Amino acid sequence: MLITPQAEQLGIFRRRLLRKRSHRSSFDTDDRGWTPLHIAARKGDLKEVKRMLNEGMDANVAAWGAKMQGVTPLHLAAEGGHLKVMDVLLEQGANIEARTKGPCRWTPLHLAAKERNRDAVRFLVENGAFLPPDINDSRFNPPLHYCPGLEWAYDELKRLQDSSSSGEISYCSDN
């Protein structure tokens, strides 16, 4: 069989492309800088999150897209209120205090608060997420105008503390 120069070039190109794909497959990102693990965490796809973590994806992989730089899969699971995914990510070493880059420097707790997701806020706090006693502590919290749900999170945490000290837990929603 005679191999033409064009066919040989095409073969070289295909081999290079396959080599690049196989080398980068676990690091491919979309236009937001999200990996497949970010996407699965945001969707709440527990099965897919577990599969990727079992294949060696880093639970703390940070996205470096144009918006929300430094966002981790835990940030996105918290934002979506996906408690089971959050639990798996934490079991695999996800940093509950991971911060985004830029002026906001949000943690997963900030994103859950922004979305007013009561269950996610509670889950994060119960699993060690830090919220200082003073809402105006700018060493931890972003300025309030950057995180409109933060005041709500403080009110909610106070409500949770009051209800747990009285022995009753309320799941009412004021949304």
C-alpha atoms as a PDB file:
ATOM      1  CA  MET A   1       0.000   0.000   0.000  1.00  0.00           C
ATOM      2  CA  LEU A   2       1.334   3.408  -0.991  1.00  0.00           C
ATOM      3  CA  ILE A   3       1.110   6.162   1.643  1.00  0.00           C
ATOM      4  CA  THR A   4       0.879   9.664   0.266  1.00  0.00           C
ATOM      5  CA  PRO A   5       2.549  12.604   2.015  1.00  0.00           C
ATOM      6  CA  GLN A   6      -0.906  14.046   2.792  1.00  0.00           C
ATOM      7  CA  ALA A   7      -2.058  10.784   4.426  1.00  0.00           C
ATOM      8  CA  GLU A   8       1.166  10.581   6.413  1.00  0.00           C
ATOM      9  CA  GLN A   9       0.718  14.184   7.639  1.00  0.00           C
ATOM     10  CA  LEU A  10      -2.900  13.432   8.560  1.00  0.00           C
ATOM     11  CA  GLY A  11      -1.764  10.375  10.548  1.00  0.00           C
ATOM     12  CA  ILE A  12       0.829  12.439  12.419  1.00  0.00           C
ATOM     13  CA  PHE A  13      -1.774  15.110  13.154  1.00  0.00           C
ATOM     14  CA  ARG A  14      -4.256  12.505  14.469  1.00  0.00           C
ATOM     15  CA  ARG A  15      -1.632  10.899  16.706  1.00  0.00           C
ATOM     16  CA  ARG A  16      -0.661  14.295  18.131  1.00  0.00           C
ATOM     17  CA  LEU A  17      -4.303  15.203  18.701  1.00  0.00           C
ATOM     18  CA  LEU A  18      -5.008  11.891  20.451  1.00  0.00           C
ATOM     19  CA  ARG A  19      -1.912  12.289  22.597  1.00  0.00           C
ATOM     20  CA  LYS A  20      -2.983  15.810  23.591  1.00  0.00           C
ATOM     21  CA  ARG A  21      -6.531  14.678  24.352  1.00  0.00           C
ATOM     22  CA  SER A  22      -5.429  11.762  26.465  1.00  0.00           C
ATOM     23  CA  HIS A  23      -2.925  13.949  28.327  1.00  0.00           C
ATOM     24  CA  ARG A  24      -5.436  16.719  28.984  1.00  0.00           C
ATOM     25  CA  SER A  25      -8.656  14.727  29.349  1.00  0.00           C
ATOM     26  CA  SER A  26      -8.948  15.241  33.097  1.00  0.00           C
ATOM     27  CA  PHE A  27      -8.064  18.935  32.782  1.00  0.00           C
ATOM     28  CA  ASP A  28     -10.306  19.999  29.909  1.00  0.00           C
ATOM     29  CA  THR A  29     -12.290  23.083  30.808  1.00  0.00           C
ATOM     30  CA  ASP A  30     -15.193  24.970  29.328  1.00  0.00           C
ATOM     31  CA  ASP A  31     -15.333  28.707  28.625  1.00  0.00           C
ATOM     32  CA  ARG A  32     -15.877  29.385  32.357  1.00  0.00           C
ATOM     33  CA  GLY A  33     -12.739  27.430  33.252  1.00  0.00           C
ATOM     34  CA  TRP A  34     -14.857  24.651  34.755  1.00  0.00           C
ATOM     35  CA  THR A  35     -13.710  21.037  34.614  1.00  0.00           C
ATOM     36  CA  PRO A  36     -16.196  18.178  34.202  1.00  0.00           C
ATOM     37  CA  LEU A  37     -16.080  17.846  38.025  1.00  0.00           C
ATOM     38  CA  HIS A  38     -17.232  21.462  38.409  1.00  0.00           C
ATOM     39  CA  ILE A  39     -20.110  20.821  36.013  1.00  0.00           C
ATOM     40  CA  ALA A  40     -21.189  17.585  37.728  1.00  0.00           C
ATOM     41  CA  ALA A  41     -21.020  19.254  41.156  1.00  0.00           C
ATOM     42  CA  ARG A  42     -23.107  22.212  39.940  1.00  0.00           C
ATOM     43  CA  LYS A  43     -25.712  19.834  38.505  1.00  0.00           C
ATOM     44  CA  GLY A  44     -25.738  17.738  41.661  1.00  0.00           C
ATOM     45  CA  ASP A  45     -24.770  14.624  39.694  1.00  0.00           C
ATOM     46  CA  LEU A  46     -23.588  12.482  42.615  1.00  0.00           C
ATOM     47  CA  LYS A  47     -22.788   9.423  40.522  1.00  0.00           C
ATOM     48  CA  GLU A  48     -20.595  11.393  38.121  1.00  0.00           C
ATOM     49  CA  VAL A  49     -18.863  13.301  40.940  1.00  0.00           C
ATOM     50  CA  LYS A  50     -18.015  10.005  42.668  1.00  0.00           C
ATOM     51  CA  ARG A  51     -16.754   8.508  39.402  1.00  0.00           C
ATOM     52  CA  MET A  52     -14.435  11.427  38.675  1.00  0.00           C
ATOM     53  CA  LEU A  53     -13.098  11.540  42.222  1.00  0.00           C
ATOM     54  CA  ASN A  54     -12.479   7.786  42.112  1.00  0.00           C
ATOM     55  CA  GLU A  55     -10.549   8.312  38.860  1.00  0.00           C
ATOM     56  CA  GLY A  56      -8.261  10.758  40.640  1.00  0.00           C
ATOM     57  CA  MET A  57      -9.717  14.207  39.973  1.00  0.00           C
ATOM     58  CA  ASP A  58      -8.769  16.678  42.665  1.00  0.00           C
ATOM     59  CA  ALA A  59     -11.726  17.735  44.836  1.00  0.00           C
ATOM     60  CA  ASN A  60     -10.075  21.168  45.158  1.00  0.00           C
ATOM     61  CA  VAL A  61      -9.541  21.863  41.464  1.00  0.00           C
ATOM     62  CA  ALA A  62     -10.049  25.596  40.923  1.00  0.00           C
ATOM     63  CA  ALA A  63     -11.611  27.145  37.832  1.00  0.00           C
ATOM     64  CA  TRP A  64      -9.736  29.957  36.131  1.00  0.00           C
ATOM     65  CA  GLY A  65     -12.316  31.371  33.745  1.00  0.00           C
ATOM     66  CA  ALA A  66     -13.093  35.032  33.206  1.00  0.00           C
ATOM     67  CA  LYS A  67     -15.682  35.092  36.016  1.00  0.00           C
ATOM     68  CA  MET A  68     -15.457  33.644  39.512  1.00  0.00           C
ATOM     69  CA  GLN A  69     -11.792  32.699  39.389  1.00  0.00           C
ATOM     70  CA  GLY A  70     -10.782  30.100  41.931  1.00  0.00           C
ATOM     71  CA  VAL A  71     -14.236  28.568  42.252  1.00  0.00           C
ATOM     72  CA  THR A  72     -14.096  24.899  43.311  1.00  0.00           C
ATOM     73  CA  PRO A  73     -16.615  22.086  42.852  1.00  0.00           C
ATOM     74  CA  LEU A  74     -17.623  22.582  46.512  1.00  0.00           C
ATOM     75  CA  HIS A  75     -18.499  26.228  45.805  1.00  0.00           C
ATOM     76  CA  LEU A  76     -20.797  25.117  42.991  1.00  0.00           C
ATOM     77  CA  ALA A  77     -22.393  22.261  44.934  1.00  0.00           C
ATOM     78  CA  ALA A  78     -23.039  24.677  47.831  1.00  0.00           C
ATOM     79  CA  GLU A  79     -24.520  27.255  45.493  1.00  0.00           C
ATOM     80  CA  GLY A  80     -26.867  24.598  44.106  1.00  0.00           C
ATOM     81  CA  GLY A  81     -27.658  23.145  47.524  1.00  0.00           C
ATOM     82  CA  HIS A  82     -26.482  19.632  46.612  1.00  0.00           C
ATOM     83  CA  LEU A  83     -25.826  18.245  50.095  1.00  0.00           C
ATOM     84  CA  LYS A  84     -24.870  14.706  49.051  1.00  0.00           C
ATOM     85  CA  VAL A  85     -22.350  16.042  46.545  1.00  0.00           C
ATOM     86  CA  MET A  86     -20.990  18.437  49.163  1.00  0.00           C
ATOM     87  CA  ASP A  87     -20.612  15.529  51.582  1.00  0.00           C
ATOM     88  CA  VAL A  88     -18.678  13.416  49.052  1.00  0.00           C
ATOM     89  CA  LEU A  89     -16.420  16.337  48.139  1.00  0.00           C
ATOM     90  CA  LEU A  90     -15.628  16.995  51.812  1.00  0.00           C
ATOM     91  CA  GLU A  91     -14.910  13.289  52.360  1.00  0.00           C
ATOM     92  CA  GLN A  92     -12.423  13.523  49.495  1.00  0.00           C
ATOM     93  CA  GLY A  93     -10.613  16.474  51.045  1.00  0.00           C
ATOM     94  CA  ALA A  94     -12.405  19.487  49.568  1.00  0.00           C
ATOM     95  CA  ASN A  95     -11.422  22.673  51.381  1.00  0.00           C
ATOM     96  CA  ILE A  96     -14.520  24.029  53.105  1.00  0.00           C
ATOM     97  CA  GLU A  97     -12.783  27.409  53.385  1.00  0.00           C
ATOM     98  CA  ALA A  98     -11.635  27.649  49.745  1.00  0.00           C
ATOM     99  CA  ARG A  99     -11.917  31.208  48.462  1.00  0.00           C
ATOM    100  CA  THR A 100     -12.529  32.626  45.052  1.00  0.00           C
ATOM    101  CA  LYS A 101     -10.070  35.226  43.750  1.00  0.00           C
ATOM    102  CA  GLY A 102     -10.796  38.916  43.330  1.00  0.00           C
ATOM    103  CA  PRO A 103     -12.595  41.390  45.565  1.00  0.00           C
ATOM    104  CA  CYS A 104     -15.300  39.002  46.791  1.00  0.00           C
ATOM    105  CA  ARG A 105     -13.123  36.112  48.026  1.00  0.00           C
ATOM    106  CA  TRP A 106     -16.218  33.992  48.580  1.00  0.00           C
ATOM    107  CA  THR A 107     -16.188  30.650  50.350  1.00  0.00           C
ATOM    108  CA  PRO A 108     -18.754  27.922  49.619  1.00  0.00           C
ATOM    109  CA  LEU A 109     -20.701  29.275  52.611  1.00  0.00           C
ATOM    110  CA  HIS A 110     -20.941  32.708  50.990  1.00  0.00           C
ATOM    111  CA  LEU A 111     -22.378  31.186  47.809  1.00  0.00           C
ATOM    112  CA  ALA A 112     -24.912  29.096  49.740  1.00  0.00           C
ATOM    113  CA  ALA A 113     -25.896  32.268  51.636  1.00  0.00           C
ATOM    114  CA  LYS A 114     -26.186  34.250  48.414  1.00  0.00           C
ATOM    115  CA  GLU A 115     -28.675  31.682  47.155  1.00  0.00           C
ATOM    116  CA  ARG A 116     -30.444  31.666  50.541  1.00  0.00           C
ATOM    117  CA  ASN A 117     -30.060  27.917  50.661  1.00  0.00           C
ATOM    118  CA  ARG A 118     -30.873  27.162  54.294  1.00  0.00           C
ATOM    119  CA  ASP A 119     -29.917  23.470  54.141  1.00  0.00           C
ATOM    120  CA  ALA A 120     -26.570  24.156  52.477  1.00  0.00           C
ATOM    121  CA  VAL A 121     -25.720  26.913  54.980  1.00  0.00           C
ATOM    122  CA  ARG A 122     -26.581  24.619  57.856  1.00  0.00           C
ATOM    123  CA  PHE A 123     -24.632  21.694  56.357  1.00  0.00           C
ATOM    124  CA  LEU A 124     -21.519  23.813  55.836  1.00  0.00           C
ATOM    125  CA  VAL A 125     -21.614  25.308  59.329  1.00  0.00           C
ATOM    126  CA  GLU A 126     -22.179  21.886  60.891  1.00  0.00           C
ATOM    127  CA  ASN A 127     -19.162  20.614  58.950  1.00  0.00           C
ATOM    128  CA  GLY A 128     -16.842  23.365  60.120  1.00  0.00           C
ATOM    129  CA  ALA A 129     -17.366  26.331  57.803  1.00  0.00           C
ATOM    130  CA  PHE A 130     -16.276  29.483  59.597  1.00  0.00           C
ATOM    131  CA  LEU A 131     -18.412  32.565  59.946  1.00  0.00           C
ATOM    132  CA  PRO A 132     -17.038  35.174  62.378  1.00  0.00           C
ATOM    133  CA  PRO A 133     -19.315  36.559  65.072  1.00  0.00           C
ATOM    134  CA  ASP A 134     -19.247  40.036  63.485  1.00  0.00           C
ATOM    135  CA  ILE A 135     -20.784  40.348  60.017  1.00  0.00           C
ATOM    136  CA  ASN A 136     -18.601  43.400  59.388  1.00  0.00           C
ATOM    137  CA  ASP A 137     -15.349  41.480  59.912  1.00  0.00           C
ATOM    138  CA  SER A 138     -13.817  42.239  56.515  1.00  0.00           C
ATOM    139  CA  ARG A 139     -10.893  39.905  57.174  1.00  0.00           C
ATOM    140  CA  PHE A 140     -13.294  37.047  56.468  1.00  0.00           C
ATOM    141  CA  ASN A 141     -16.416  38.469  54.888  1.00  0.00           C
ATOM    142  CA  PRO A 142     -16.564  40.378  51.642  1.00  0.00           C
ATOM    143  CA  PRO A 143     -18.157  43.804  51.864  1.00  0.00           C
ATOM    144  CA  LEU A 144     -21.903  43.265  52.256  1.00  0.00           C
ATOM    145  CA  HIS A 145     -22.735  44.773  48.878  1.00  0.00           C
ATOM    146  CA  TYR A 146     -20.734  41.915  47.295  1.00  0.00           C
ATOM    147  CA  CYS A 147     -22.711  39.205  49.083  1.00  0.00           C
ATOM    148  CA  PRO A 148     -26.343  40.216  49.555  1.00  0.00           C
ATOM    149  CA  GLY A 149     -27.223  36.868  51.164  1.00  0.00           C
ATOM    150  CA  LEU A 150     -24.685  37.240  53.944  1.00  0.00           C
ATOM    151  CA  GLU A 151     -27.009  39.203  56.238  1.00  0.00           C
ATOM    152  CA  TRP A 152     -29.586  36.463  55.703  1.00  0.00           C
ATOM    153  CA  ALA A 153     -26.991  33.787  56.591  1.00  0.00           C
ATOM    154  CA  TYR A 154     -26.214  35.543  59.873  1.00  0.00           C
ATOM    155  CA  ASP A 155     -29.921  35.770  60.708  1.00  0.00           C
ATOM    156  CA  GLU A 156     -30.342  32.116  59.748  1.00  0.00           C
ATOM    157  CA  LEU A 157     -27.374  30.968  61.829  1.00  0.00           C
ATOM    158  CA  LYS A 158     -28.744  32.846  64.831  1.00  0.00           C
ATOM    159  CA  ARG A 159     -32.117  31.179  64.273  1.00  0.00           C
ATOM    160  CA  LEU A 160     -30.407  27.767  64.012  1.00  0.00           C
ATOM    161  CA  GLN A 161     -28.406  28.378  67.196  1.00  0.00           C
ATOM    162  CA  ASP A 162     -31.495  29.550  69.075  1.00  0.00           C
ATOM    163  CA  SER A 163     -33.571  26.576  67.915  1.00  0.00           C
ATOM    164  CA  SER A 164     -30.843  24.026  68.687  1.00  0.00           C
ATOM    165  CA  SER A 165     -30.380  25.448  72.184  1.00  0.00           C
ATOM    166  CA  SER A 166     -34.129  25.206  72.805  1.00  0.00           C
ATOM    167  CA  GLY A 167     -34.222  21.678  71.383  1.00  0.00           C
ATOM    168  CA  GLU A 168     -36.409  22.451  68.391  1.00  0.00           C
ATOM    169  CA  ILE A 169     -35.430  22.933  64.779  1.00  0.00           C
ATOM    170  CA  SER A 170     -37.474  24.998  62.355  1.00  0.00           C
ATOM    171  CA  TYR A 171     -37.322  24.523  58.618  1.00  0.00           C
ATOM    172  CA  CYS A 172     -39.727  27.311  57.742  1.00  0.00           C
ATOM    173  CA  SER A 173     -38.852  29.396  54.738  1.00  0.00           C
ATOM    174  CA  ASP A 174     -39.301  33.119  54.387  1.00  0.00           C
ATOM    175  CA  ASN A 175     -38.389  33.115  50.695  1.00  0.00           C
END
